[in-house]
């Protein structure tokens, strides 16, 4: 018998570090380094506008060089954000991430960002499922 998958809210990173759409790429990099993370939801107030990843920044660095640092983070991020509900089963979230080839899903409840589920969270969840008790 197949076990029911846990909900993403049980394994997400709660209240993720965010960046305002007007903040620069240099500020995004600083936040990622300080918090040891690879994804930042891009916000306007409480509204999700996009996401920027470390990979987005590295790819843009090749095109723009040092000039990239002063560009707004939203200029290198994506507006096509995978969003999920806190009650979405974690296996469905992982399958959606695989299908879309993205490293994160932003968890939204009632229009508000409440968490983020990343590839690291998925690996931690998998590791915990098979951990010796």
Protein backbone atom coordinates (compact mmCIF):
# COMPACT_ATOMS: atom_id res chain seq x y z
CA UNK A 1 0.00 0.00 0.00
CA UNK A 2 1.31 3.43 -0.96
CA UNK A 3 1.86 5.89 1.85
CA UNK A 4 0.15 9.28 1.60
CA UNK A 5 2.63 12.06 0.80
CA UNK A 6 3.04 14.79 3.42
CA UNK A 7 1.93 18.32 2.64
CA UNK A 8 4.56 20.80 1.48
CA UNK A 9 3.96 23.00 4.54
CA UNK A 10 5.61 20.29 6.64
CA UNK A 11 8.86 20.51 4.66
CA UNK A 12 9.08 24.05 3.23
CA UNK A 13 11.24 26.88 4.45
CA UNK A 14 8.82 29.16 6.29
CA UNK A 15 8.83 32.93 5.69
CA UNK A 16 11.58 32.95 3.06
CA UNK A 17 14.02 35.79 2.60
CA UNK A 18 12.59 38.08 -0.09
CA UNK A 19 13.85 40.92 -2.24
CA UNK A 20 11.98 44.00 -3.42
CA UNK A 21 11.72 44.37 -7.20
CA UNK A 22 13.74 47.61 -7.07
CA UNK A 23 16.71 46.15 -5.19
CA UNK A 24 19.81 45.44 -7.24
CA UNK A 25 21.40 42.20 -8.31
CA UNK A 26 24.32 43.01 -5.99
CA UNK A 27 21.85 43.18 -3.09
CA UNK A 28 20.31 39.87 -4.17
CA UNK A 29 23.73 38.24 -4.18
CA UNK A 30 24.49 39.65 -0.72
CA UNK A 31 21.21 38.27 0.65
CA UNK A 32 21.87 34.85 -0.88
CA UNK A 33 25.39 34.71 0.56
CA UNK A 34 24.35 35.98 4.00
CA UNK A 35 21.47 33.51 4.33
CA UNK A 36 23.15 30.67 2.40
CA UNK A 37 20.24 30.36 -0.04
CA UNK A 38 19.86 30.13 -3.81
CA UNK A 39 16.36 31.56 -4.48
CA UNK A 40 14.69 34.86 -3.61
CA UNK A 41 11.04 35.67 -4.25
CA UNK A 42 10.81 39.11 -5.86
CA UNK A 43 8.15 41.22 -4.18
CA UNK A 44 6.30 44.50 -4.50
CA UNK A 45 5.01 45.02 -1.00
CA UNK A 46 3.17 41.79 -0.22
CA UNK A 47 2.66 40.86 -3.88
CA UNK A 48 4.79 38.17 -5.51
CA UNK A 49 6.24 39.45 -8.81
CA UNK A 50 8.83 36.83 -9.66
CA UNK A 51 11.80 34.85 -8.45
CA UNK A 52 15.54 35.21 -8.91
CA UNK A 53 17.95 32.33 -8.46
CA UNK A 54 21.67 32.10 -8.13
CA UNK A 55 21.66 30.41 -11.54
CA UNK A 56 19.80 33.37 -13.07
CA UNK A 57 22.45 35.71 -11.72
CA UNK A 58 25.35 33.57 -12.95
CA UNK A 59 23.85 33.34 -16.46
CA UNK A 60 23.25 37.11 -16.56
CA UNK A 61 26.79 37.78 -15.31
CA UNK A 62 28.15 36.20 -18.51
CA UNK A 63 26.08 38.61 -20.63
CA UNK A 64 26.44 41.81 -18.59
CA UNK A 65 29.67 41.50 -16.58
CA UNK A 66 30.15 43.92 -13.68
CA UNK A 67 27.36 46.17 -14.97
CA UNK A 68 24.94 43.52 -13.75
CA UNK A 69 25.41 44.52 -10.11
CA UNK A 70 23.44 47.76 -10.51
CA UNK A 71 20.52 46.28 -12.47
CA UNK A 72 17.28 45.55 -10.62
CA UNK A 73 17.06 41.92 -9.49
CA UNK A 74 13.77 41.55 -11.33
CA UNK A 75 15.57 42.18 -14.64
CA UNK A 76 17.39 38.84 -14.34
CA UNK A 77 14.71 36.89 -12.49
CA UNK A 78 11.66 35.10 -13.84
CA UNK A 79 8.02 36.13 -13.65
CA UNK A 80 6.93 32.55 -14.42
CA UNK A 81 6.95 31.37 -10.80
CA UNK A 82 5.82 27.91 -9.78
CA UNK A 83 3.39 28.55 -6.90
CA UNK A 84 1.74 25.93 -4.74
CA UNK A 85 -0.61 25.81 -1.78
CA UNK A 86 0.68 24.79 1.66
CA UNK A 87 -1.54 21.68 1.49
CA UNK A 88 -0.16 20.45 -1.84
CA UNK A 89 1.41 17.01 -1.38
CA UNK A 90 5.20 17.21 -1.49
CA UNK A 91 5.42 14.57 -4.23
CA UNK A 92 3.22 16.71 -6.50
CA UNK A 93 5.39 19.76 -5.81
CA UNK A 94 8.54 17.80 -6.64
CA UNK A 95 6.94 16.45 -9.84
CA UNK A 96 5.96 19.98 -10.88
CA UNK A 97 9.48 21.24 -10.20
CA UNK A 98 10.91 18.43 -12.33
CA UNK A 99 8.44 19.00 -15.17
CA UNK A 100 9.17 22.73 -15.28
CA UNK A 101 12.90 22.24 -14.63
CA UNK A 102 12.96 24.74 -11.75
CA UNK A 103 14.77 24.61 -8.44
CA UNK A 104 11.97 25.98 -6.27
CA UNK A 105 8.27 26.46 -5.71
CA UNK A 106 6.90 29.45 -3.82
CA UNK A 107 4.24 28.49 -1.29
CA UNK A 108 1.32 30.91 -1.33
CA UNK A 109 -1.67 30.95 1.03
CA UNK A 110 -4.51 33.43 0.54
CA UNK A 111 -2.36 35.48 -1.82
CA UNK A 112 0.54 35.77 0.64
CA UNK A 113 3.96 34.14 0.37
CA UNK A 114 4.29 31.84 3.38
CA UNK A 115 7.21 29.68 2.32
CA UNK A 116 9.47 28.28 -0.34
CA UNK A 117 10.21 24.66 -1.21
CA UNK A 118 13.56 24.17 -2.91
CA UNK A 119 15.53 21.26 -4.29
CA UNK A 120 17.47 21.30 -1.00
CA UNK A 121 14.20 20.97 0.94
CA UNK A 122 13.22 18.07 -1.34
CA UNK A 123 16.52 16.29 -0.69
CA UNK A 124 16.18 16.87 3.06
CA UNK A 125 12.66 15.42 2.93
CA UNK A 126 13.87 12.38 0.99
CA UNK A 127 16.77 11.88 3.38
CA UNK A 128 14.43 12.05 6.39
CA UNK A 129 12.07 9.50 4.85
CA UNK A 130 14.86 6.96 4.63
CA UNK A 131 16.74 7.88 7.82
CA UNK A 132 17.36 5.08 10.28
CA UNK A 133 15.25 5.58 13.34
